[in-house]
Amino acid sequence: MTSFNKLQQLKRRFFALRNGAVADSMRKSGANYRIIFGLNLPQLAEVASEFGPDAQLALQLRDNLTTRESLLIAPMLYPTDSLTPEVALEWIRLSPTPEVIDILCLKLLRHLSDPAPVITELAASDSPLDRYAALRLSANILPREMDIVESVARSEAERRDPLTLLAATMIIDDIEFRREPMG
């Protein structure tokens, strides 16, 4: 089956599962996509499992910035064995919203064998969205890289940026809880 046919089949699945009430609510809440089907994460994961890993399809979907569900399912379809730090940075820098970054980190980037260099580069960025991605990716490597994660989170908390402050504070709280003696 050609990539175009797979894309058309996938879009048909989105259409069949669409939830107009959720989509309307998202639009009213400020979701800035031309097309929103209103699918939730379990539905997207189910559709992704029907198509399996497919780098070409994943890239087509990632590059479709007008459709929310395309951006969210793309990392579920990208083969983890093709994931490199350079690929991770490219995906992050093409992610337009925190929601897309959340799913990207949860479904794809957590499979990076060594995420520390990616986190370090993102944490040093001027872009709040890059720094948000650094925090979300950092949460995936706790507790094994606690010192790196703590440094990134504390530095970001000091910025007091509205986009990153909550995530940084939650990570710091998690680290402090992990360090408390059990008793």
Protein backbone atom coordinates (compact mmCIF):
# COMPACT_ATOMS: atom_id res chain seq x y z
CA MET A 1 0.00 0.00 0.00
CA THR A 2 1.37 3.43 -0.90
CA SER A 3 2.01 6.10 1.67
CA PHE A 4 -0.75 8.25 0.14
CA ASN A 5 -3.26 5.38 0.54
CA LYS A 6 -2.19 4.87 4.16
CA LEU A 7 -2.63 8.55 4.84
CA GLN A 8 -6.10 8.52 3.31
CA GLN A 9 -7.07 5.44 5.35
CA LEU A 10 -5.79 7.04 8.52
CA LYS A 11 -7.74 10.24 7.86
CA ARG A 12 -10.87 8.15 7.26
CA ARG A 13 -10.35 6.55 10.70
CA PHE A 14 -10.05 10.04 12.23
CA PHE A 15 -13.29 11.03 10.54
CA ALA A 16 -15.10 7.89 11.74
CA LEU A 17 -14.00 8.49 15.35
CA ARG A 18 -14.51 12.25 15.37
CA ASN A 19 -16.16 13.91 18.34
CA GLY A 20 -17.70 17.21 17.34
CA ALA A 21 -18.49 18.31 20.90
CA VAL A 22 -14.86 17.87 21.98
CA ALA A 23 -13.59 19.55 18.82
CA ASP A 24 -15.91 22.55 19.35
CA SER A 25 -14.86 22.82 22.98
CA MET A 26 -11.19 22.79 21.97
CA ARG A 27 -11.77 25.53 19.40
CA LYS A 28 -13.59 27.65 21.98
CA SER A 29 -10.65 27.09 24.37
CA GLY A 30 -8.27 28.51 21.78
CA ALA A 31 -6.88 25.45 19.97
CA ASN A 32 -5.42 26.98 16.85
CA TYR A 33 -5.82 24.24 14.21
CA ARG A 34 -7.78 24.41 11.01
CA ILE A 35 -8.96 20.81 11.54
CA ILE A 36 -9.74 19.23 14.90
CA PHE A 37 -11.41 15.82 15.01
CA GLY A 38 -11.66 15.74 18.82
CA LEU A 39 -9.98 12.36 19.28
CA ASN A 40 -8.48 11.43 22.64
CA LEU A 41 -5.15 9.75 23.32
CA PRO A 42 -6.48 6.17 23.65
CA GLN A 43 -8.28 6.53 20.31
CA LEU A 44 -5.13 7.82 18.65
CA ALA A 45 -3.08 4.99 20.15
CA GLU A 46 -5.61 2.47 18.82
CA VAL A 47 -5.44 3.94 15.32
CA ALA A 48 -1.62 4.01 15.49
CA SER A 49 -1.56 0.32 16.42
CA GLU A 50 -3.56 -0.47 13.28
CA PHE A 51 -0.88 1.14 11.09
CA GLY A 52 2.29 0.14 12.94
CA PRO A 53 5.66 1.88 12.66
CA ASP A 54 6.03 3.78 9.41
CA ALA A 55 8.61 6.58 9.18
CA GLN A 56 7.31 8.03 5.92
CA LEU A 57 3.71 8.19 7.16
CA ALA A 58 4.85 9.63 10.50
CA LEU A 59 6.78 12.41 8.76
CA GLN A 60 3.83 13.24 6.49
CA LEU A 61 1.60 13.54 9.53
CA ARG A 62 4.15 15.54 11.52
CA ASP A 63 4.40 18.04 8.68
CA ASN A 64 0.60 18.46 8.51
CA LEU A 65 0.43 21.46 10.85
CA THR A 66 -3.23 22.18 10.15
CA THR A 67 -4.64 19.00 11.75
CA ARG A 68 -4.33 18.42 15.50
CA GLU A 69 -4.67 14.64 15.36
CA SER A 70 -2.03 14.32 12.63
CA LEU A 71 0.51 16.00 14.89
CA LEU A 72 -0.44 13.85 17.88
CA ILE A 73 -0.38 10.47 16.14
CA ALA A 74 2.85 11.08 14.19
CA PRO A 75 5.22 10.24 17.09
CA MET A 76 3.25 7.04 17.71
CA LEU A 77 4.06 5.89 14.18
CA TYR A 78 7.73 6.84 13.97
CA PRO A 79 10.02 3.79 14.41
CA THR A 80 11.98 4.12 17.65
CA ASP A 81 15.02 2.41 16.11
CA SER A 82 15.36 5.40 13.76
CA LEU A 83 15.41 7.87 16.65
CA THR A 84 18.60 9.91 17.10
CA PRO A 85 19.29 13.12 19.04
CA GLU A 86 19.20 15.05 15.75
CA VAL A 87 15.82 13.56 14.85
CA ALA A 88 14.53 14.36 18.36
CA LEU A 89 15.58 18.00 18.05
CA GLU A 90 14.00 18.27 14.61
CA TRP A 91 10.68 16.89 15.89
CA ILE A 92 10.69 19.21 18.90
CA ARG A 93 11.48 22.29 16.86
CA LEU A 94 8.59 21.47 14.50
CA SER A 95 6.12 20.98 17.37
CA PRO A 96 3.78 23.97 17.57
CA THR A 97 2.15 23.47 20.99
CA PRO A 98 2.79 22.07 24.47
CA GLU A 99 0.19 19.36 23.79
CA VAL A 100 2.16 18.11 20.78
CA ILE A 101 5.40 18.19 22.80
CA ASP A 102 3.75 16.24 25.63
CA ILE A 103 2.71 13.44 23.28
CA LEU A 104 6.04 13.55 21.44
CA CYS A 105 7.98 13.08 24.69
CA LEU A 106 5.58 10.43 26.02
CA LYS A 107 5.28 8.32 22.91
CA LEU A 108 8.59 8.75 21.07
CA LEU A 109 11.37 10.71 22.72
CA ARG A 110 11.36 8.68 25.92
CA HIS A 111 13.00 5.97 23.80
CA LEU A 112 16.16 8.05 23.26
CA SER A 113 19.10 6.02 24.52
CA ASP A 114 20.84 9.15 25.86
CA PRO A 115 18.48 12.12 26.14
CA ALA A 116 20.85 14.25 28.25
CA PRO A 117 22.48 16.10 25.29
CA VAL A 118 19.04 16.89 23.83
CA ILE A 119 17.80 18.14 27.19
CA THR A 120 20.89 20.28 27.68
CA GLU A 121 20.56 21.90 24.25
CA LEU A 122 16.85 22.58 24.67
CA ALA A 123 17.28 23.96 28.20
CA ALA A 124 19.74 26.55 26.87
CA SER A 125 17.33 27.78 24.18
CA ASP A 126 15.67 31.20 24.12
CA SER A 127 12.42 29.52 23.06
CA PRO A 128 10.01 28.78 25.95
CA LEU A 129 8.60 25.87 23.93
CA ASP A 130 12.09 24.33 23.59
CA ARG A 131 12.64 24.71 27.34
CA TYR A 132 9.21 23.19 28.00
CA ALA A 133 10.28 20.21 25.88
CA ALA A 134 13.49 19.94 27.93
CA LEU A 135 11.41 19.70 31.10
CA ARG A 136 8.95 17.17 29.67
CA LEU A 137 11.80 15.01 28.37
CA SER A 138 13.61 15.39 31.72
CA ALA A 139 10.66 13.92 33.55
CA ASN A 140 11.16 10.73 31.52
CA ILE A 141 14.70 10.17 32.82
CA LEU A 142 13.98 10.48 36.51
CA PRO A 143 15.38 9.08 38.77
CA ARG A 144 18.43 7.81 36.87
CA GLU A 145 19.61 11.32 35.87
CA MET A 146 18.39 13.24 38.91
CA ASP A 147 21.24 15.79 39.04
CA ILE A 148 20.83 16.86 35.40
CA VAL A 149 17.06 17.02 35.71
CA GLU A 150 17.23 19.02 38.93
CA SER A 151 19.64 21.53 37.41
CA VAL A 152 17.41 22.05 34.37
CA ALA A 153 14.23 22.33 36.47
CA ARG A 154 15.69 24.77 39.01
CA SER A 155 17.16 26.96 36.29
CA GLU A 156 13.85 27.05 34.48
CA ALA A 157 11.87 27.73 37.67
CA GLU A 158 14.01 30.82 38.24
CA ARG A 159 12.87 32.22 34.89
CA ARG A 160 9.26 32.21 36.12
CA ASP A 161 8.02 31.72 32.56
CA PRO A 162 4.26 30.97 32.57
CA LEU A 163 4.70 28.14 30.04
CA THR A 164 7.38 26.28 31.98
CA LEU A 165 6.94 27.22 35.64
CA LEU A 166 4.40 24.54 36.56
CA ALA A 167 6.37 21.74 34.88
CA ALA A 168 9.62 22.90 36.51
CA THR A 169 7.97 23.12 39.94
CA MET A 170 6.43 19.66 39.61
CA ILE A 171 9.80 18.14 38.70
CA ILE A 172 11.50 19.86 41.64
CA ASP A 173 8.76 18.60 43.99
CA ASP A 174 9.17 15.08 42.60
CA ILE A 175 12.94 15.17 43.16
CA GLU A 176 12.55 16.49 46.69
CA PHE A 177 10.01 13.74 47.45
CA ARG A 178 12.37 11.07 46.09
CA ARG A 179 15.17 12.39 48.30
CA GLU A 180 13.11 12.37 51.49
CA PRO A 181 14.10 9.57 53.85
CA MET A 182 11.47 6.88 54.21
CA GLY A 183 10.38 6.54 57.74
